[in-house]
Amino acid sequence: MNSRRYILLDRDGTIIAEKNYLSSVDQIELLPGTVEGLRSLQDAGFGLIVITNQSGIARGKLTLHTLAGIHAELQRQLREGGVRIDAFYHCPHVPEDRCACRKPAPLLARRAAADFGFDLEHSFVIGDKPSDIELGKNCGARTILVRTGYGRQHEAAGLVADFIADDLMEAARYIRT
């Protein structure tokens, strides 16, 4: 088992601005505090993995090829700030498919843990939606709700996480303490 600890991150509303079915690299907009927060975590030795639901694929709004291009461009933009995402995992299904890979189901988190050899119980899941927080709970990780994306709305509706942060920079400060 790898001793390195990992942060499992939602993509839309957590790292980049929430768009309705983001389908082009031109729509990528890094949220404030993202690069600084992720770099801080990376500098502290954490691995960074993105787990994202992408039902736009099943809905015909983007292809796997387009998604790969979006992730390559996101990686490029983050790299300019000194950040490297270790891996991207996605679920291409719609909720009605009731697949095993769509958050909050833990399959993709477990796959990442197996691929990288880390313990989910010593990890953090960060996101802006109930499915992200439930994913963390379902795999025994600590959870952080960020107020970016839909996070503020879900906080107001009573969503409970281990910690609530304004953005990834505040989440990183919490994790590093």
Foldseek 3Di string as FASTA:
>chain_A
DDPAEEEEEEPDQAQFDHDDQDQALVRGHGDPPNLVLQQLCVVVRYAYEYEYERLCCVVVNYHPVSVVVNVVSVQVVSVVSVHHHPYYHYHNHDVVVVDQRDFPRQPVVVVVCVVVVHQLLRYEFEEQDPSRQSNSVNRNYAYEHEVTHNNVVVVVVPDDGNYYYPGSNRVSVVVVD
